[in-house]
Amino acid sequence: MTVVDSREALSVTSDVPRFLEFFAGGGMARAGLSPEWVSVWANDFSEAKAAAYRRNWGGNELRVGDIAEVPSADLPVAEMAWASFPCQDLSLQASRSSRPSFNPFA
């Protein structure tokens, strides 16, 4: 697991509310919430998804690894916790499917 202390890496001193971004993928929750909110911590289990996050946002607040291994004491203070649906997984599965109209819920 890659760990960087977000309390040292990010200094948020404005009145902008902060959020934690669980299962961040490429950071699309951050894209939708910015600039009214600021992400102070993000994670994903997948290094490939983490690479997408880094390309979009840098990686100061990003943790790559199993969320079950993150002690709650390591999470910075925030006004909201956001957990994303695995949209990249479904998109990739659709592109790899041999079925002409892939529906993951069928």
N, C-alpha and C. Protein backbone atom coordinates (compact mmCIF):
# COMPACT_ATOMS: atom_id res chain seq x y z
N MET A 1 0.85 -1.17 0.00
CA MET A 1 0.00 0.00 0.00
C MET A 1 0.89 1.24 0.00
N THR A 2 0.59 2.19 -0.87
CA THR A 2 1.30 3.46 -0.92
C THR A 2 0.61 4.41 0.05
N VAL A 3 1.37 5.00 0.96
CA VAL A 3 0.77 5.89 1.95
C VAL A 3 1.54 7.20 2.00
N VAL A 4 0.81 8.29 1.91
CA VAL A 4 1.35 9.63 2.07
C VAL A 4 0.45 10.33 3.08
N ASP A 5 1.02 11.03 4.04
CA ASP A 5 0.21 11.70 5.05
C ASP A 5 -0.45 12.92 4.43
N SER A 6 -1.76 12.86 4.24
CA SER A 6 -2.47 13.96 3.60
C SER A 6 -2.48 15.21 4.46
N ARG A 7 -2.32 15.06 5.76
CA ARG A 7 -2.28 16.23 6.63
C ARG A 7 -1.05 17.06 6.36
N GLU A 8 0.03 16.41 5.92
CA GLU A 8 1.24 17.13 5.55
C GLU A 8 1.22 17.52 4.08
N ALA A 9 0.67 16.64 3.23
CA ALA A 9 0.70 16.86 1.79
C ALA A 9 -0.29 17.91 1.33
N LEU A 10 -1.41 18.05 2.04
CA LEU A 10 -2.45 18.99 1.65
C LEU A 10 -2.73 19.94 2.81
N SER A 11 -2.70 21.18 2.55
CA SER A 11 -3.06 22.16 3.56
C SER A 11 -4.30 22.89 3.08
N VAL A 12 -5.44 22.61 3.69
CA VAL A 12 -6.69 23.24 3.31
C VAL A 12 -7.03 24.27 4.37
N THR A 13 -6.95 25.53 4.00
CA THR A 13 -7.20 26.59 4.97
C THR A 13 -8.38 27.46 4.58
N SER A 14 -9.08 27.12 3.52
CA SER A 14 -10.21 27.94 3.07
C SER A 14 -11.51 27.47 3.71
N ASP A 15 -12.58 28.13 3.35
CA ASP A 15 -13.90 27.75 3.84
C ASP A 15 -14.56 26.69 2.97
N VAL A 16 -13.83 26.13 2.03
CA VAL A 16 -14.37 25.10 1.13
C VAL A 16 -14.52 23.80 1.92
N PRO A 17 -15.70 23.17 1.88
CA PRO A 17 -15.87 21.91 2.60
C PRO A 17 -15.00 20.80 2.01
N ARG A 18 -14.58 19.89 2.87
CA ARG A 18 -13.67 18.81 2.49
C ARG A 18 -14.44 17.49 2.40
N PHE A 19 -13.95 16.60 1.51
CA PHE A 19 -14.56 15.27 1.45
C PHE A 19 -13.51 14.20 1.27
N LEU A 20 -13.88 12.98 1.70
CA LEU A 20 -13.07 11.78 1.53
C LEU A 20 -13.64 11.03 0.34
N GLU A 21 -12.78 10.56 -0.54
CA GLU A 21 -13.21 9.93 -1.79
C GLU A 21 -12.82 8.45 -1.81
N PHE A 22 -13.75 7.59 -1.33
CA PHE A 22 -13.50 6.16 -1.29
C PHE A 22 -13.78 5.54 -2.66
N PHE A 23 -12.97 4.55 -3.06
CA PHE A 23 -13.12 3.86 -4.35
C PHE A 23 -13.13 4.91 -5.47
N ALA A 24 -12.11 5.73 -5.49
CA ALA A 24 -12.07 6.95 -6.31
C ALA A 24 -11.99 6.73 -7.81
N GLY A 25 -11.43 5.61 -8.25
CA GLY A 25 -11.26 5.43 -9.69
C GLY A 25 -10.45 6.58 -10.28
N GLY A 26 -10.95 7.19 -11.33
CA GLY A 26 -10.27 8.32 -11.97
C GLY A 26 -10.56 9.66 -11.33
N GLY A 27 -11.36 9.67 -10.27
CA GLY A 27 -11.64 10.91 -9.56
C GLY A 27 -12.83 11.68 -10.11
N MET A 28 -13.80 10.97 -10.64
CA MET A 28 -14.94 11.67 -11.23
C MET A 28 -15.84 12.32 -10.19
N ALA A 29 -15.89 11.79 -8.97
CA ALA A 29 -16.62 12.48 -7.91
C ALA A 29 -15.97 13.83 -7.64
N ARG A 30 -14.66 13.83 -7.62
CA ARG A 30 -13.92 15.08 -7.43
C ARG A 30 -14.21 16.06 -8.56
N ALA A 31 -14.28 15.55 -9.77
CA ALA A 31 -14.58 16.42 -10.92
C ALA A 31 -15.96 17.06 -10.76
N GLY A 32 -16.92 16.28 -10.29
CA GLY A 32 -18.26 16.81 -10.14
C GLY A 32 -18.45 17.75 -8.95
N LEU A 33 -17.70 17.51 -7.89
CA LEU A 33 -17.86 18.31 -6.68
C LEU A 33 -16.99 19.57 -6.66
N SER A 34 -15.93 19.58 -7.45
CA SER A 34 -15.02 20.73 -7.48
C SER A 34 -15.65 21.88 -8.26
N PRO A 35 -15.39 23.08 -7.94
CA PRO A 35 -14.50 23.60 -6.89
C PRO A 35 -15.22 23.88 -5.57
N GLU A 36 -16.50 23.53 -5.48
CA GLU A 36 -17.24 23.81 -4.24
C GLU A 36 -16.79 22.95 -3.08
N TRP A 37 -16.21 21.79 -3.37
CA TRP A 37 -15.68 20.87 -2.38
C TRP A 37 -14.23 20.55 -2.73
N VAL A 38 -13.44 20.17 -1.74
CA VAL A 38 -12.06 19.77 -1.99
C VAL A 38 -11.84 18.36 -1.42
N SER A 39 -11.25 17.49 -2.25
CA SER A 39 -10.92 16.13 -1.82
C SER A 39 -9.64 16.19 -0.99
N VAL A 40 -9.72 15.69 0.25
CA VAL A 40 -8.55 15.69 1.13
C VAL A 40 -7.98 14.30 1.33
N TRP A 41 -8.67 13.28 0.79
CA TRP A 41 -8.20 11.90 0.90
C TRP A 41 -8.94 11.08 -0.13
N ALA A 42 -8.23 10.20 -0.82
CA ALA A 42 -8.84 9.34 -1.82
C ALA A 42 -8.17 7.97 -1.77
N ASN A 43 -8.92 6.95 -2.18
CA ASN A 43 -8.31 5.62 -2.25
C ASN A 43 -8.91 4.82 -3.40
N ASP A 44 -8.14 3.86 -3.84
CA ASP A 44 -8.63 2.81 -4.73
C ASP A 44 -7.72 1.61 -4.55
N PHE A 45 -8.26 0.45 -4.78
CA PHE A 45 -7.51 -0.80 -4.65
C PHE A 45 -6.65 -1.05 -5.88
N SER A 46 -7.10 -0.57 -7.02
CA SER A 46 -6.47 -0.85 -8.31
C SER A 46 -5.40 0.17 -8.67
N GLU A 47 -4.21 -0.32 -8.96
CA GLU A 47 -3.13 0.57 -9.38
C GLU A 47 -3.45 1.22 -10.73
N ALA A 48 -4.16 0.50 -11.62
CA ALA A 48 -4.54 1.08 -12.91
C ALA A 48 -5.48 2.26 -12.72
N LYS A 49 -6.45 2.11 -11.82
CA LYS A 49 -7.37 3.23 -11.55
C LYS A 49 -6.64 4.37 -10.85
N ALA A 50 -5.72 4.02 -9.97
CA ALA A 50 -4.93 5.04 -9.29
C ALA A 50 -4.10 5.84 -10.30
N ALA A 51 -3.61 5.18 -11.33
CA ALA A 51 -2.85 5.88 -12.38
C ALA A 51 -3.75 6.90 -13.09
N ALA A 52 -5.01 6.53 -13.32
CA ALA A 52 -5.96 7.46 -13.93
C ALA A 52 -6.21 8.64 -13.00
N TYR A 53 -6.35 8.37 -11.72
CA TYR A 53 -6.56 9.44 -10.74
C TYR A 53 -5.36 10.40 -10.75
N ARG A 54 -4.16 9.83 -10.72
CA ARG A 54 -2.95 10.67 -10.73
C ARG A 54 -2.86 11.53 -11.98
N ARG A 55 -3.23 10.96 -13.13
CA ARG A 55 -3.20 11.74 -14.37
C ARG A 55 -4.18 12.92 -14.29
N ASN A 56 -5.32 12.69 -13.66
CA ASN A 56 -6.33 13.74 -13.56
C ASN A 56 -6.06 14.75 -12.47
N TRP A 57 -5.54 14.31 -11.32
CA TRP A 57 -5.50 15.17 -10.14
C TRP A 57 -4.16 15.20 -9.40
N GLY A 58 -3.17 14.47 -9.85
CA GLY A 58 -1.98 14.31 -9.03
C GLY A 58 -2.27 13.22 -8.02
N GLY A 59 -1.41 13.06 -7.05
CA GLY A 59 -1.63 11.95 -6.13
C GLY A 59 -1.36 12.24 -4.67
N ASN A 60 -1.29 13.51 -4.29
CA ASN A 60 -0.94 13.84 -2.91
C ASN A 60 -1.86 13.19 -1.89
N GLU A 61 -3.15 13.15 -2.16
CA GLU A 61 -4.11 12.63 -1.19
C GLU A 61 -4.52 11.19 -1.47
N LEU A 62 -3.95 10.57 -2.51
CA LEU A 62 -4.36 9.24 -2.95
C LEU A 62 -3.64 8.13 -2.18
N ARG A 63 -4.40 7.14 -1.73
CA ARG A 63 -3.88 5.93 -1.10
C ARG A 63 -4.28 4.75 -1.97
N VAL A 64 -3.32 3.92 -2.35
CA VAL A 64 -3.62 2.75 -3.17
C VAL A 64 -3.50 1.52 -2.28
N GLY A 65 -4.60 0.78 -2.15
CA GLY A 65 -4.59 -0.42 -1.34
C GLY A 65 -5.97 -0.75 -0.83
N ASP A 66 -6.02 -1.79 -0.03
CA ASP A 66 -7.27 -2.29 0.52
C ASP A 66 -7.78 -1.34 1.60
N ILE A 67 -9.00 -0.86 1.44
CA ILE A 67 -9.59 0.07 2.40
C ILE A 67 -9.70 -0.57 3.78
N ALA A 68 -9.82 -1.87 3.84
CA ALA A 68 -9.92 -2.56 5.12
C ALA A 68 -8.64 -2.43 5.95
N GLU A 69 -7.55 -2.07 5.31
CA GLU A 69 -6.27 -1.93 6.01
C GLU A 69 -5.97 -0.49 6.43
N VAL A 70 -6.91 0.42 6.20
CA VAL A 70 -6.71 1.82 6.57
C VAL A 70 -7.35 2.08 7.92
N PRO A 71 -6.54 2.40 8.92
CA PRO A 71 -7.13 2.72 10.24
C PRO A 71 -7.94 4.02 10.14
N SER A 72 -9.08 4.04 10.78
CA SER A 72 -9.92 5.25 10.72
C SER A 72 -9.19 6.46 11.26
N ALA A 73 -8.26 6.26 12.16
CA ALA A 73 -7.48 7.37 12.72
C ALA A 73 -6.61 8.04 11.65
N ASP A 74 -6.35 7.35 10.54
CA ASP A 74 -5.54 7.91 9.46
C ASP A 74 -6.34 8.80 8.51
N LEU A 75 -7.65 8.78 8.64
CA LEU A 75 -8.49 9.59 7.75
C LEU A 75 -8.53 11.03 8.25
N PRO A 76 -8.32 11.98 7.35
CA PRO A 76 -8.39 13.39 7.76
C PRO A 76 -9.83 13.82 8.06
N VAL A 77 -9.96 14.90 8.76
CA VAL A 77 -11.27 15.46 9.07
C VAL A 77 -11.91 15.95 7.77
N ALA A 78 -13.19 15.63 7.60
CA ALA A 78 -13.91 16.06 6.40
C ALA A 78 -15.39 16.18 6.72
N GLU A 79 -16.08 16.97 5.91
CA GLU A 79 -17.51 17.16 6.09
C GLU A 79 -18.34 16.07 5.41
N MET A 80 -17.74 15.34 4.45
CA MET A 80 -18.49 14.32 3.73
C MET A 80 -17.56 13.17 3.35
N ALA A 81 -18.11 11.97 3.37
CA ALA A 81 -17.42 10.79 2.85
C ALA A 81 -18.20 10.31 1.62
N TRP A 82 -17.50 10.12 0.51
CA TRP A 82 -18.13 9.73 -0.76
C TRP A 82 -17.57 8.37 -1.17
N ALA A 83 -18.44 7.44 -1.52
CA ALA A 83 -18.02 6.13 -2.03
C ALA A 83 -18.61 5.95 -3.42
N SER A 84 -17.77 5.71 -4.39
CA SER A 84 -18.21 5.65 -5.79
C SER A 84 -18.54 4.23 -6.23
N PHE A 85 -19.45 4.15 -7.19
CA PHE A 85 -19.82 2.91 -7.85
C PHE A 85 -18.70 2.53 -8.83
N PRO A 86 -18.45 1.26 -9.08
CA PRO A 86 -17.33 0.84 -9.95
C PRO A 86 -17.60 1.03 -11.44
N CYS A 87 -17.75 2.28 -11.88
CA CYS A 87 -18.11 2.53 -13.28
C CYS A 87 -17.00 2.14 -14.25
N GLN A 88 -15.73 2.29 -13.87
CA GLN A 88 -14.65 1.88 -14.77
C GLN A 88 -14.69 0.38 -15.01
N ASP A 89 -15.00 -0.39 -13.97
CA ASP A 89 -15.09 -1.84 -14.11
C ASP A 89 -16.16 -2.22 -15.13
N LEU A 90 -17.33 -1.58 -15.02
CA LEU A 90 -18.42 -1.89 -15.95
C LEU A 90 -18.08 -1.44 -17.37
N SER A 91 -17.44 -0.30 -17.51
CA SER A 91 -17.05 0.18 -18.84
C SER A 91 -16.05 -0.76 -19.49
N LEU A 92 -15.07 -1.21 -18.72
CA LEU A 92 -14.08 -2.14 -19.27
C LEU A 92 -14.72 -3.48 -19.62
N GLN A 93 -15.61 -3.95 -18.78
CA GLN A 93 -16.28 -5.22 -19.05
C GLN A 93 -17.11 -5.12 -20.32
N ALA A 94 -17.77 -4.01 -20.52
CA ALA A 94 -18.58 -3.83 -21.73
C ALA A 94 -17.72 -3.88 -22.97
N SER A 95 -16.55 -3.27 -22.92
CA SER A 95 -15.68 -3.26 -24.10
C SER A 95 -15.07 -4.62 -24.37
N ARG A 96 -15.02 -5.49 -23.36
CA ARG A 96 -14.43 -6.82 -23.52
C ARG A 96 -15.47 -7.90 -23.77
N SER A 97 -16.73 -7.53 -23.69
CA SER A 97 -17.81 -8.51 -23.82
C SER A 97 -17.98 -8.94 -25.27
N SER A 98 -18.27 -10.21 -25.45
CA SER A 98 -18.55 -10.71 -26.81
C SER A 98 -20.02 -10.52 -27.17
N ARG A 99 -20.84 -10.16 -26.19
CA ARG A 99 -22.24 -9.92 -26.46
C ARG A 99 -22.41 -8.56 -27.09
N PRO A 100 -23.28 -8.44 -28.11
CA PRO A 100 -23.42 -7.16 -28.81
C PRO A 100 -23.95 -6.02 -27.92
N SER A 101 -24.82 -6.32 -26.99
CA SER A 101 -25.33 -5.27 -26.12
C SER A 101 -25.15 -5.71 -24.68
N PHE A 102 -24.02 -5.42 -24.13
CA PHE A 102 -23.68 -5.83 -22.77
C PHE A 102 -24.52 -5.09 -21.74
N ASN A 103 -25.17 -5.84 -20.85
CA ASN A 103 -25.92 -5.26 -19.74
C ASN A 103 -25.48 -5.98 -18.48
N PRO A 104 -24.68 -5.33 -17.61
CA PRO A 104 -24.17 -6.02 -16.43
C PRO A 104 -25.25 -6.39 -15.44
N PHE A 105 -26.46 -5.86 -15.60
CA PHE A 105 -27.53 -6.15 -14.66
C PHE A 105 -28.49 -7.22 -15.19
N ALA A 106 -28.24 -7.72 -16.39
CA ALA A 106 -29.12 -8.73 -16.99
C ALA A 106 -28.87 -10.09 -16.39
